[in-house]
Amino acid sequence: MLSEFKAFIAKGNVMDMAVGIIIGAAFTAIVKSMVDDLINPIVGLFTGGVDFTNNFVVLSGDASTYESLEAAREAGAAVFAYGSFIMAVFNFLIIAFVVFMLVRYVNKVKSQMEKPKDVPAEEAPAGPTELDVLLEIRDSLKSGS
């Protein structure tokens, strides 16, 4: 069983997947920082400083008693956190767009690498070949005799 496990782990697909997961985790941290630190402040400027993550509806109890979503969750209130969902969708769209651009770039580079190198065009013959000249001489000698 141990040897089968070693063979499974040593397969290229498993190693590629592991590398992909590690890079994906690092990439997610970069995109999260981009969204939190760069894009959300710009969105906040256009929306008048509205922070979507604190938009929620308390399903049980009085909504006015909680200053933030975090406070409502800590108190154990049932909340409908639509703002967090909106931000999760927004983050997903940004990540999807960045991944799309990355895949598009990689495919472009791959297609450029797969293109055949410039094949020089065949040169047009400069004139009749030696064989053509000899055949023409032969034919003219036959017809002249």
C-alpha atoms as a PDB file:
ATOM      1  CA  MET A   1       0.000   0.000   0.000  1.00  0.00           C
ATOM      2  CA  LEU A   2       2.873   2.371   0.792  1.00  0.00           C
ATOM      3  CA  SER A   3       4.467   1.772  -2.610  1.00  0.00           C
ATOM      4  CA  GLU A   4       1.143   2.475  -4.333  1.00  0.00           C
ATOM      5  CA  PHE A   5       0.837   5.708  -2.362  1.00  0.00           C
ATOM      6  CA  LYS A   6       4.365   6.729  -3.389  1.00  0.00           C
ATOM      7  CA  ALA A   7       3.544   5.993  -7.030  1.00  0.00           C
ATOM      8  CA  PHE A   8       0.354   8.051  -6.738  1.00  0.00           C
ATOM      9  CA  ILE A   9       2.159  11.020  -5.186  1.00  0.00           C
ATOM     10  CA  ALA A  10       4.992  10.856  -7.714  1.00  0.00           C
ATOM     11  CA  LYS A  11       2.609  11.191 -10.676  1.00  0.00           C
ATOM     12  CA  GLY A  12       2.962  14.458 -12.511  1.00  0.00           C
ATOM     13  CA  ASN A  13      -0.716  15.386 -12.235  1.00  0.00           C
ATOM     14  CA  VAL A  14      -0.715  15.224  -8.443  1.00  0.00           C
ATOM     15  CA  MET A  15       2.394  17.374  -8.204  1.00  0.00           C
ATOM     16  CA  ASP A  16       0.977  19.875 -10.718  1.00  0.00           C
ATOM     17  CA  MET A  17      -2.228  20.052  -8.694  1.00  0.00           C
ATOM     18  CA  ALA A  18      -0.316  20.648  -5.454  1.00  0.00           C
ATOM     19  CA  VAL A  19       1.686  23.459  -7.029  1.00  0.00           C
ATOM     20  CA  GLY A  20      -1.538  24.930  -8.438  1.00  0.00           C
ATOM     21  CA  ILE A  21      -3.213  24.899  -5.018  1.00  0.00           C
ATOM     22  CA  ILE A  22      -0.242  26.603  -3.367  1.00  0.00           C
ATOM     23  CA  ILE A  23      -0.024  29.263  -6.069  1.00  0.00           C
ATOM     24  CA  GLY A  24      -3.813  29.686  -5.932  1.00  0.00           C
ATOM     25  CA  ALA A  25      -3.684  30.345  -2.191  1.00  0.00           C
ATOM     26  CA  ALA A  26      -0.968  32.967  -2.658  1.00  0.00           C
ATOM     27  CA  PHE A  27      -2.867  34.478  -5.593  1.00  0.00           C
ATOM     28  CA  THR A  28      -6.041  34.703  -3.484  1.00  0.00           C
ATOM     29  CA  ALA A  29      -4.161  36.669  -0.826  1.00  0.00           C
ATOM     30  CA  ILE A  30      -2.906  39.107  -3.467  1.00  0.00           C
ATOM     31  CA  VAL A  31      -6.360  39.573  -4.976  1.00  0.00           C
ATOM     32  CA  LYS A  32      -7.935  39.993  -1.514  1.00  0.00           C
ATOM     33  CA  SER A  33      -5.437  42.726  -0.734  1.00  0.00           C
ATOM     34  CA  MET A  34      -6.105  44.367  -4.101  1.00  0.00           C
ATOM     35  CA  VAL A  35      -9.849  44.348  -3.453  1.00  0.00           C
ATOM     36  CA  ASP A  36      -9.658  45.430   0.199  1.00  0.00           C
ATOM     37  CA  ASP A  37      -6.875  47.985  -0.111  1.00  0.00           C
ATOM     38  CA  LEU A  38      -7.247  49.371  -3.639  1.00  0.00           C
ATOM     39  CA  ILE A  39     -10.663  48.741  -5.188  1.00  0.00           C
ATOM     40  CA  ASN A  40     -13.003  49.044  -2.189  1.00  0.00           C
ATOM     41  CA  PRO A  41     -11.794  52.566  -1.321  1.00  0.00           C
ATOM     42  CA  ILE A  42     -12.409  53.649  -4.930  1.00  0.00           C
ATOM     43  CA  VAL A  43     -15.877  52.042  -4.895  1.00  0.00           C
ATOM     44  CA  GLY A  44     -16.471  53.789  -1.570  1.00  0.00           C
ATOM     45  CA  LEU A  45     -15.695  57.158  -3.175  1.00  0.00           C
ATOM     46  CA  PHE A  46     -18.287  56.585  -5.905  1.00  0.00           C
ATOM     47  CA  THR A  47     -20.918  55.265  -3.512  1.00  0.00           C
ATOM     48  CA  GLY A  48     -20.450  57.982  -0.912  1.00  0.00           C
ATOM     49  CA  GLY A  49     -18.383  55.903   1.482  1.00  0.00           C
ATOM     50  CA  VAL A  50     -20.874  53.043   1.724  1.00  0.00           C
ATOM     51  CA  ASP A  51     -19.265  49.857   2.985  1.00  0.00           C
ATOM     52  CA  PHE A  52     -21.299  46.952   1.668  1.00  0.00           C
ATOM     53  CA  THR A  53     -19.928  44.473   4.200  1.00  0.00           C
ATOM     54  CA  ASN A  54     -21.920  46.098   7.022  1.00  0.00           C
ATOM     55  CA  ASN A  55     -25.232  45.975   5.161  1.00  0.00           C
ATOM     56  CA  PHE A  56     -27.393  43.402   6.897  1.00  0.00           C
ATOM     57  CA  VAL A  57     -30.881  42.725   8.146  1.00  0.00           C
ATOM     58  CA  VAL A  58     -31.466  41.284  11.600  1.00  0.00           C
ATOM     59  CA  LEU A  59     -33.992  38.482  11.310  1.00  0.00           C
ATOM     60  CA  SER A  60     -34.526  38.095  15.036  1.00  0.00           C
ATOM     61  CA  GLY A  61     -34.768  40.981  17.460  1.00  0.00           C
ATOM     62  CA  ASP A  62     -34.260  44.712  17.046  1.00  0.00           C
ATOM     63  CA  ALA A  63     -31.896  45.742  14.236  1.00  0.00           C
ATOM     64  CA  SER A  64     -31.102  49.109  15.791  1.00  0.00           C
ATOM     65  CA  THR A  65     -29.301  47.531  18.747  1.00  0.00           C
ATOM     66  CA  TYR A  66     -26.362  46.354  16.618  1.00  0.00           C
ATOM     67  CA  GLU A  67     -23.837  48.821  15.258  1.00  0.00           C
ATOM     68  CA  SER A  68     -22.208  46.394  12.843  1.00  0.00           C
ATOM     69  CA  LEU A  69     -22.560  42.969  11.350  1.00  0.00           C
ATOM     70  CA  GLU A  70     -19.773  41.732  13.597  1.00  0.00           C
ATOM     71  CA  ALA A  71     -21.607  42.955  16.706  1.00  0.00           C
ATOM     72  CA  ALA A  72     -24.825  41.259  15.594  1.00  0.00           C
ATOM     73  CA  ARG A  73     -23.013  37.994  14.941  1.00  0.00           C
ATOM     74  CA  GLU A  74     -21.227  38.151  18.301  1.00  0.00           C
ATOM     75  CA  ALA A  75     -24.566  38.649  20.024  1.00  0.00           C
ATOM     76  CA  GLY A  76     -25.857  35.526  18.311  1.00  0.00           C
ATOM     77  CA  ALA A  77     -28.548  37.291  16.314  1.00  0.00           C
ATOM     78  CA  ALA A  78     -29.822  35.720  13.122  1.00  0.00           C
ATOM     79  CA  VAL A  79     -28.676  38.057  10.373  1.00  0.00           C
ATOM     80  CA  PHE A  80     -29.220  38.241   6.628  1.00  0.00           C
ATOM     81  CA  ALA A  81     -25.783  39.567   5.590  1.00  0.00           C
ATOM     82  CA  TYR A  82     -26.529  40.658   2.034  1.00  0.00           C
ATOM     83  CA  GLY A  83     -23.657  43.162   2.044  1.00  0.00           C
ATOM     84  CA  SER A  84     -21.088  40.448   2.696  1.00  0.00           C
ATOM     85  CA  PHE A  85     -22.627  38.419  -0.120  1.00  0.00           C
ATOM     86  CA  ILE A  86     -22.443  41.394  -2.504  1.00  0.00           C
ATOM     87  CA  MET A  87     -18.763  41.859  -1.628  1.00  0.00           C
ATOM     88  CA  ALA A  88     -18.094  38.121  -2.089  1.00  0.00           C
ATOM     89  CA  VAL A  89     -19.676  38.263  -5.561  1.00  0.00           C
ATOM     90  CA  PHE A  90     -17.690  41.413  -6.342  1.00  0.00           C
ATOM     91  CA  ASN A  91     -14.467  39.730  -5.194  1.00  0.00           C
ATOM     92  CA  PHE A  92     -15.305  36.657  -7.298  1.00  0.00           C
ATOM     93  CA  LEU A  93     -15.865  38.780 -10.402  1.00  0.00           C
ATOM     94  CA  ILE A  94     -12.516  40.500  -9.908  1.00  0.00           C
ATOM     95  CA  ILE A  95     -10.716  37.189  -9.378  1.00  0.00           C
ATOM     96  CA  ALA A  96     -12.472  35.654 -12.385  1.00  0.00           C
ATOM     97  CA  PHE A  97     -11.480  38.614 -14.560  1.00  0.00           C
ATOM     98  CA  VAL A  98      -7.848  38.474 -13.428  1.00  0.00           C
ATOM     99  CA  VAL A  99      -7.704  34.706 -14.015  1.00  0.00           C
ATOM    100  CA  PHE A 100      -9.330  35.183 -17.441  1.00  0.00           C
ATOM    101  CA  MET A 101      -6.689  37.758 -18.390  1.00  0.00           C
ATOM    102  CA  LEU A 102      -3.929  35.464 -17.119  1.00  0.00           C
ATOM    103  CA  VAL A 103      -5.234  32.441 -19.072  1.00  0.00           C
ATOM    104  CA  ARG A 104      -5.705  34.623 -22.152  1.00  0.00           C
ATOM    105  CA  TYR A 105      -2.087  35.796 -21.917  1.00  0.00           C
ATOM    106  CA  VAL A 106      -0.768  32.258 -21.386  1.00  0.00           C
ATOM    107  CA  ASN A 107      -2.764  30.969 -24.374  1.00  0.00           C
ATOM    108  CA  LYS A 108      -1.410  33.816 -26.501  1.00  0.00           C
ATOM    109  CA  VAL A 109       2.165  32.971 -25.538  1.00  0.00           C
ATOM    110  CA  LYS A 110       1.559  29.244 -26.157  1.00  0.00           C
ATOM    111  CA  SER A 111       0.090  29.895 -29.595  1.00  0.00           C
ATOM    112  CA  GLN A 112       3.062  32.066 -30.519  1.00  0.00           C
ATOM    113  CA  MET A 113       5.432  29.314 -29.447  1.00  0.00           C
ATOM    114  CA  GLU A 114       3.523  26.687 -31.456  1.00  0.00           C
ATOM    115  CA  LYS A 115       3.527  28.666 -34.683  1.00  0.00           C
ATOM    116  CA  PRO A 116       5.902  27.207 -37.250  1.00  0.00           C
ATOM    117  CA  LYS A 117       8.978  29.231 -37.850  1.00  0.00           C
ATOM    118  CA  ASP A 118       9.025  31.293 -41.003  1.00  0.00           C
ATOM    119  CA  VAL A 119       9.637  28.806 -43.787  1.00  0.00           C
ATOM    120  CA  PRO A 120      11.434  30.447 -46.673  1.00  0.00           C
ATOM    121  CA  ALA A 121       9.432  30.296 -49.866  1.00  0.00           C
ATOM    122  CA  GLU A 122      10.814  28.176 -52.657  1.00  0.00           C
ATOM    123  CA  GLU A 123      12.861  30.227 -55.031  1.00  0.00           C
ATOM    124  CA  ALA A 124      11.503  30.444 -58.559  1.00  0.00           C
ATOM    125  CA  PRO A 125      13.803  28.822 -61.079  1.00  0.00           C
ATOM    126  CA  ALA A 126      16.130  31.348 -62.706  1.00  0.00           C
ATOM    127  CA  GLY A 127      15.621  29.809 -66.122  1.00  0.00           C
ATOM    128  CA  PRO A 128      15.500  26.481 -67.874  1.00  0.00           C
ATOM    129  CA  THR A 129      17.439  23.681 -66.265  1.00  0.00           C
ATOM    130  CA  GLU A 130      20.233  21.834 -68.009  1.00  0.00           C
ATOM    131  CA  LEU A 131      17.895  18.970 -68.771  1.00  0.00           C
ATOM    132  CA  ASP A 132      15.360  21.328 -70.366  1.00  0.00           C
ATOM    133  CA  VAL A 133      18.066  22.807 -72.629  1.00  0.00           C
ATOM    134  CA  LEU A 134      19.316  19.347 -73.678  1.00  0.00           C
ATOM    135  CA  LEU A 135      15.780  18.176 -74.436  1.00  0.00           C
ATOM    136  CA  GLU A 136      15.154  21.286 -76.508  1.00  0.00           C
ATOM    137  CA  ILE A 137      18.389  20.716 -78.481  1.00  0.00           C
ATOM    138  CA  ARG A 138      17.440  17.100 -79.079  1.00  0.00           C
ATOM    139  CA  ASP A 139      13.971  18.049 -80.274  1.00  0.00           C
ATOM    140  CA  SER A 140      15.333  20.714 -82.621  1.00  0.00           C
ATOM    141  CA  LEU A 141      17.885  18.257 -84.074  1.00  0.00           C
ATOM    142  CA  LYS A 142      15.146  15.699 -84.687  1.00  0.00           C
ATOM    143  CA  SER A 143      12.922  18.175 -86.453  1.00  0.00           C
ATOM    144  CA  GLY A 144      15.795  19.682 -88.467  1.00  0.00           C
ATOM    145  CA  SER A 145      16.948  16.454 -90.018  1.00  0.00           C
END
